[in-house]
Amino acid sequence: MLGTVLIILLILMLMGALPRWGHSRNWGYFPTGGLGLVLVVVVILVLMGRL
């Protein structure tokens, strides 16, 4: 349950950090890459049963 909630929150954060939005246009791709890495780690932990 907790893993599913974390994945959903991270996906929403990724969508908010995409550079096409006006508030994040000057950020570049750094926030998206960082959140993507966190999402991959959480997915791996969920699949391994550690979360």
PDB file of N, CA and C in Angstrom:
ATOM      1  N   MET A   1       0.822  -1.193   0.000  1.00  0.00           N
ATOM      2  CA  MET A   1       0.000   0.000   0.000  1.00  0.00           C
ATOM      3  C   MET A   1       0.867   1.258   0.000  1.00  0.00           C
ATOM      4  N   LEU A   2       1.849   1.298   0.879  1.00  0.00           N
ATOM      5  CA  LEU A   2       2.724   2.459   0.967  1.00  0.00           C
ATOM      6  C   LEU A   2       3.529   2.635  -0.312  1.00  0.00           C
ATOM      7  N   GLY A   3       3.971   1.538  -0.890  1.00  0.00           N
ATOM      8  CA  GLY A   3       4.733   1.608  -2.136  1.00  0.00           C
ATOM      9  C   GLY A   3       3.908   2.182  -3.270  1.00  0.00           C
ATOM     10  N   THR A   4       2.638   1.798  -3.353  1.00  0.00           N
ATOM     11  CA  THR A   4       1.762   2.317  -4.396  1.00  0.00           C
ATOM     12  C   THR A   4       1.547   3.811  -4.239  1.00  0.00           C
ATOM     13  N   VAL A   5       1.340   4.260  -3.025  1.00  0.00           N
ATOM     14  CA  VAL A   5       1.157   5.693  -2.764  1.00  0.00           C
ATOM     15  C   VAL A   5       2.421   6.462  -3.131  1.00  0.00           C
ATOM     16  N   LEU A   6       3.591   5.930  -2.779  1.00  0.00           N
ATOM     17  CA  LEU A   6       4.843   6.595  -3.119  1.00  0.00           C
ATOM     18  C   LEU A   6       5.037   6.693  -4.631  1.00  0.00           C
ATOM     19  N   ILE A   7       4.715   5.643  -5.345  1.00  0.00           N
ATOM     20  CA  ILE A   7       4.860   5.660  -6.801  1.00  0.00           C
ATOM     21  C   ILE A   7       3.932   6.698  -7.413  1.00  0.00           C
ATOM     22  N   ILE A   8       2.695   6.763  -6.961  1.00  0.00           N
ATOM     23  CA  ILE A   8       1.747   7.746  -7.492  1.00  0.00           C
ATOM     24  C   ILE A   8       2.225   9.166  -7.209  1.00  0.00           C
ATOM     25  N   LEU A   9       2.699   9.417  -5.990  1.00  0.00           N
ATOM     26  CA  LEU A   9       3.201  10.746  -5.648  1.00  0.00           C
ATOM     27  C   LEU A   9       4.419  11.124  -6.487  1.00  0.00           C
ATOM     28  N   LEU A  10       5.316  10.184  -6.700  1.00  0.00           N
ATOM     29  CA  LEU A  10       6.501  10.472  -7.501  1.00  0.00           C
ATOM     30  C   LEU A  10       6.148  10.737  -8.958  1.00  0.00           C
ATOM     31  N   ILE A  11       5.177  10.026  -9.493  1.00  0.00           N
ATOM     32  CA  ILE A  11       4.745  10.277 -10.869  1.00  0.00           C
ATOM     33  C   ILE A  11       4.130  11.667 -10.987  1.00  0.00           C
ATOM     34  N   LEU A  12       3.327  12.059 -10.010  1.00  0.00           N
ATOM     35  CA  LEU A  12       2.753  13.406 -10.028  1.00  0.00           C
ATOM     36  C   LEU A  12       3.838  14.468  -9.906  1.00  0.00           C
ATOM     37  N   MET A  13       4.853  14.222  -9.084  1.00  0.00           N
ATOM     38  CA  MET A  13       5.954  15.168  -8.953  1.00  0.00           C
ATOM     39  C   MET A  13       6.745  15.267 -10.259  1.00  0.00           C
ATOM     40  N   LEU A  14       6.917  14.138 -10.949  1.00  0.00           N
ATOM     41  CA  LEU A  14       7.594  14.155 -12.246  1.00  0.00           C
ATOM     42  C   LEU A  14       6.826  14.997 -13.255  1.00  0.00           C
ATOM     43  N   MET A  15       5.520  14.858 -13.258  1.00  0.00           N
ATOM     44  CA  MET A  15       4.712  15.639 -14.186  1.00  0.00           C
ATOM     45  C   MET A  15       4.807  17.131 -13.868  1.00  0.00           C
ATOM     46  N   GLY A  16       4.877  17.485 -12.608  1.00  0.00           N
ATOM     47  CA  GLY A  16       4.998  18.888 -12.217  1.00  0.00           C
ATOM     48  C   GLY A  16       6.361  19.472 -12.502  1.00  0.00           C
ATOM     49  N   ALA A  17       7.382  18.639 -12.601  1.00  0.00           N
ATOM     50  CA  ALA A  17       8.739  19.123 -12.821  1.00  0.00           C
ATOM     51  C   ALA A  17       9.132  19.151 -14.291  1.00  0.00           C
ATOM     52  N   LEU A  18       8.267  18.700 -15.180  1.00  0.00           N
ATOM     53  CA  LEU A  18       8.593  18.722 -16.604  1.00  0.00           C
ATOM     54  C   LEU A  18       8.778  20.166 -17.074  1.00  0.00           C
ATOM     55  N   PRO A  19       9.781  20.421 -17.886  1.00  0.00           N
ATOM     56  CA  PRO A  19      10.092  21.789 -18.294  1.00  0.00           C
ATOM     57  C   PRO A  19       9.053  22.456 -19.196  1.00  0.00           C
ATOM     58  N   ARG A  20       8.049  21.747 -19.644  1.00  0.00           N
ATOM     59  CA  ARG A  20       7.070  22.377 -20.539  1.00  0.00           C
ATOM     60  C   ARG A  20       6.106  23.289 -19.788  1.00  0.00           C
ATOM     61  N   TRP A  21       6.025  23.132 -18.453  1.00  0.00           N
ATOM     62  CA  TRP A  21       5.156  23.989 -17.660  1.00  0.00           C
ATOM     63  C   TRP A  21       5.830  25.337 -17.441  1.00  0.00           C
ATOM     64  N   GLY A  22       5.033  26.384 -17.341  1.00  0.00           N
ATOM     65  CA  GLY A  22       5.556  27.732 -17.210  1.00  0.00           C
ATOM     66  C   GLY A  22       6.381  27.953 -15.953  1.00  0.00           C
ATOM     67  N   HIS A  23       5.954  27.364 -14.833  1.00  0.00           N
ATOM     68  CA  HIS A  23       6.658  27.611 -13.573  1.00  0.00           C
ATOM     69  C   HIS A  23       8.000  26.885 -13.493  1.00  0.00           C
ATOM     70  N   SER A  24       8.223  25.904 -14.352  1.00  0.00           N
ATOM     71  CA  SER A  24       9.468  25.139 -14.267  1.00  0.00           C
ATOM     72  C   SER A  24      10.288  25.203 -15.558  1.00  0.00           C
ATOM     73  N   ARG A  25       9.989  26.134 -16.428  1.00  0.00           N
ATOM     74  CA  ARG A  25      10.661  26.195 -17.719  1.00  0.00           C
ATOM     75  C   ARG A  25      12.156  26.480 -17.569  1.00  0.00           C
ATOM     76  N   ASN A  26      12.547  27.288 -16.595  1.00  0.00           N
ATOM     77  CA  ASN A  26      13.948  27.664 -16.423  1.00  0.00           C
ATOM     78  C   ASN A  26      14.754  26.640 -15.613  1.00  0.00           C
ATOM     79  N   TRP A  27      14.113  25.621 -15.097  1.00  0.00           N
ATOM     80  CA  TRP A  27      14.816  24.635 -14.274  1.00  0.00           C
ATOM     81  C   TRP A  27      15.657  23.683 -15.104  1.00  0.00           C
ATOM     82  N   GLY A  28      15.294  23.463 -16.354  1.00  0.00           N
ATOM     83  CA  GLY A  28      15.981  22.472 -17.169  1.00  0.00           C
ATOM     84  C   GLY A  28      15.463  21.078 -16.848  1.00  0.00           C
ATOM     85  N   TYR A  29      16.303  20.079 -17.114  1.00  0.00           N
ATOM     86  CA  TYR A  29      15.887  18.685 -16.915  1.00  0.00           C
ATOM     87  C   TYR A  29      16.371  18.104 -15.594  1.00  0.00           C
ATOM     88  N   PHE A  30      17.057  18.888 -14.771  1.00  0.00           N
ATOM     89  CA  PHE A  30      17.596  18.347 -13.520  1.00  0.00           C
ATOM     90  C   PHE A  30      16.519  17.814 -12.585  1.00  0.00           C
ATOM     91  N   PRO A  31      15.434  18.555 -12.285  1.00  0.00           N
ATOM     92  CA  PRO A  31      14.427  17.998 -11.364  1.00  0.00           C
ATOM     93  C   PRO A  31      13.777  16.729 -11.895  1.00  0.00           C
ATOM     94  N   THR A  32      13.520  16.684 -13.186  1.00  0.00           N
ATOM     95  CA  THR A  32      12.895  15.501 -13.761  1.00  0.00           C
ATOM     96  C   THR A  32      13.821  14.296 -13.667  1.00  0.00           C
ATOM     97  N   GLY A  33      15.104  14.506 -13.936  1.00  0.00           N
ATOM     98  CA  GLY A  33      16.062  13.402 -13.842  1.00  0.00           C
ATOM     99  C   GLY A  33      16.218  12.897 -12.425  1.00  0.00           C
ATOM    100  N   GLY A  34      16.266  13.813 -11.464  1.00  0.00           N
ATOM    101  CA  GLY A  34      16.391  13.423 -10.061  1.00  0.00           C
ATOM    102  C   GLY A  34      15.166  12.672  -9.564  1.00  0.00           C
ATOM    103  N   LEU A  35      13.982  13.178  -9.900  1.00  0.00           N
ATOM    104  CA  LEU A  35      12.757  12.496  -9.496  1.00  0.00           C
ATOM    105  C   LEU A  35      12.600  11.165 -10.219  1.00  0.00           C
ATOM    106  N   GLY A  36      13.059  11.103 -11.458  1.00  0.00           N
ATOM    107  CA  GLY A  36      13.011   9.828 -12.192  1.00  0.00           C
ATOM    108  C   GLY A  36      13.887   8.775 -11.539  1.00  0.00           C
ATOM    109  N   LEU A  37      15.045   9.200 -11.066  1.00  0.00           N
ATOM    110  CA  LEU A  37      15.939   8.272 -10.373  1.00  0.00           C
ATOM    111  C   LEU A  37      15.307   7.776  -9.073  1.00  0.00           C
ATOM    112  N   VAL A  38      14.688   8.675  -8.331  1.00  0.00           N
ATOM    113  CA  VAL A  38      13.996   8.275  -7.096  1.00  0.00           C
ATOM    114  C   VAL A  38      12.858   7.317  -7.424  1.00  0.00           C
ATOM    115  N   LEU A  39      12.128   7.580  -8.498  1.00  0.00           N
ATOM    116  CA  LEU A  39      11.032   6.695  -8.905  1.00  0.00           C
ATOM    117  C   LEU A  39      11.545   5.304  -9.244  1.00  0.00           C
ATOM    118  N   VAL A  40      12.647   5.218  -9.945  1.00  0.00           N
ATOM    119  CA  VAL A  40      13.229   3.918 -10.293  1.00  0.00           C
ATOM    120  C   VAL A  40      13.636   3.158  -9.035  1.00  0.00           C
ATOM    121  N   VAL A  41      14.250   3.847  -8.077  1.00  0.00           N
ATOM    122  CA  VAL A  41      14.663   3.199  -6.825  1.00  0.00           C
ATOM    123  C   VAL A  41      13.444   2.687  -6.061  1.00  0.00           C
ATOM    124  N   VAL A  42      12.392   3.490  -5.987  1.00  0.00           N
ATOM    125  CA  VAL A  42      11.181   3.061  -5.263  1.00  0.00           C
ATOM    126  C   VAL A  42      10.536   1.873  -5.959  1.00  0.00           C
ATOM    127  N   VAL A  43      10.483   1.888  -7.282  1.00  0.00           N
ATOM    128  CA  VAL A  43       9.900   0.754  -8.018  1.00  0.00           C
ATOM    129  C   VAL A  43      10.716  -0.511  -7.768  1.00  0.00           C
ATOM    130  N   ILE A  44      12.029  -0.401  -7.769  1.00  0.00           N
ATOM    131  CA  ILE A  44      12.866  -1.568  -7.502  1.00  0.00           C
ATOM    132  C   ILE A  44      12.640  -2.089  -6.088  1.00  0.00           C
ATOM    133  N   LEU A  45      12.532  -1.191  -5.113  1.00  0.00           N
ATOM    134  CA  LEU A  45      12.282  -1.616  -3.735  1.00  0.00           C
ATOM    135  C   LEU A  45      10.919  -2.287  -3.599  1.00  0.00           C
ATOM    136  N   VAL A  46       9.917  -1.769  -4.300  1.00  0.00           N
ATOM    137  CA  VAL A  46       8.584  -2.378  -4.242  1.00  0.00           C
ATOM    138  C   VAL A  46       8.616  -3.769  -4.869  1.00  0.00           C
ATOM    139  N   LEU A  47       9.301  -3.897  -6.003  1.00  0.00           N
ATOM    140  CA  LEU A  47       9.357  -5.203  -6.656  1.00  0.00           C
ATOM    141  C   LEU A  47      10.147  -6.221  -5.844  1.00  0.00           C
ATOM    142  N   MET A  48      11.134  -5.762  -5.092  1.00  0.00           N
ATOM    143  CA  MET A  48      11.916  -6.674  -4.247  1.00  0.00           C
ATOM    144  C   MET A  48      11.204  -6.992  -2.929  1.00  0.00           C
ATOM    145  N   GLY A  49      10.117  -6.285  -2.645  1.00  0.00           N
ATOM    146  CA  GLY A  49       9.364  -6.533  -1.422  1.00  0.00           C
ATOM    147  C   GLY A  49       9.947  -5.859  -0.197  1.00  0.00           C
ATOM    148  N   ARG A  50      10.802  -4.882  -0.369  1.00  0.00           N
ATOM    149  CA  ARG A  50      11.434  -4.199   0.764  1.00  0.00           C
ATOM    150  C   ARG A  50      10.649  -2.984   1.215  1.00  0.00           C
ATOM    151  N   LEU A  51       9.625  -2.594   0.477  1.00  0.00           N
ATOM    152  CA  LEU A  51       8.878  -1.389   0.827  1.00  0.00           C
ATOM    153  C   LEU A  51       7.411  -1.708   0.936  1.00  0.00           C
TER     154      LEU A  51
END
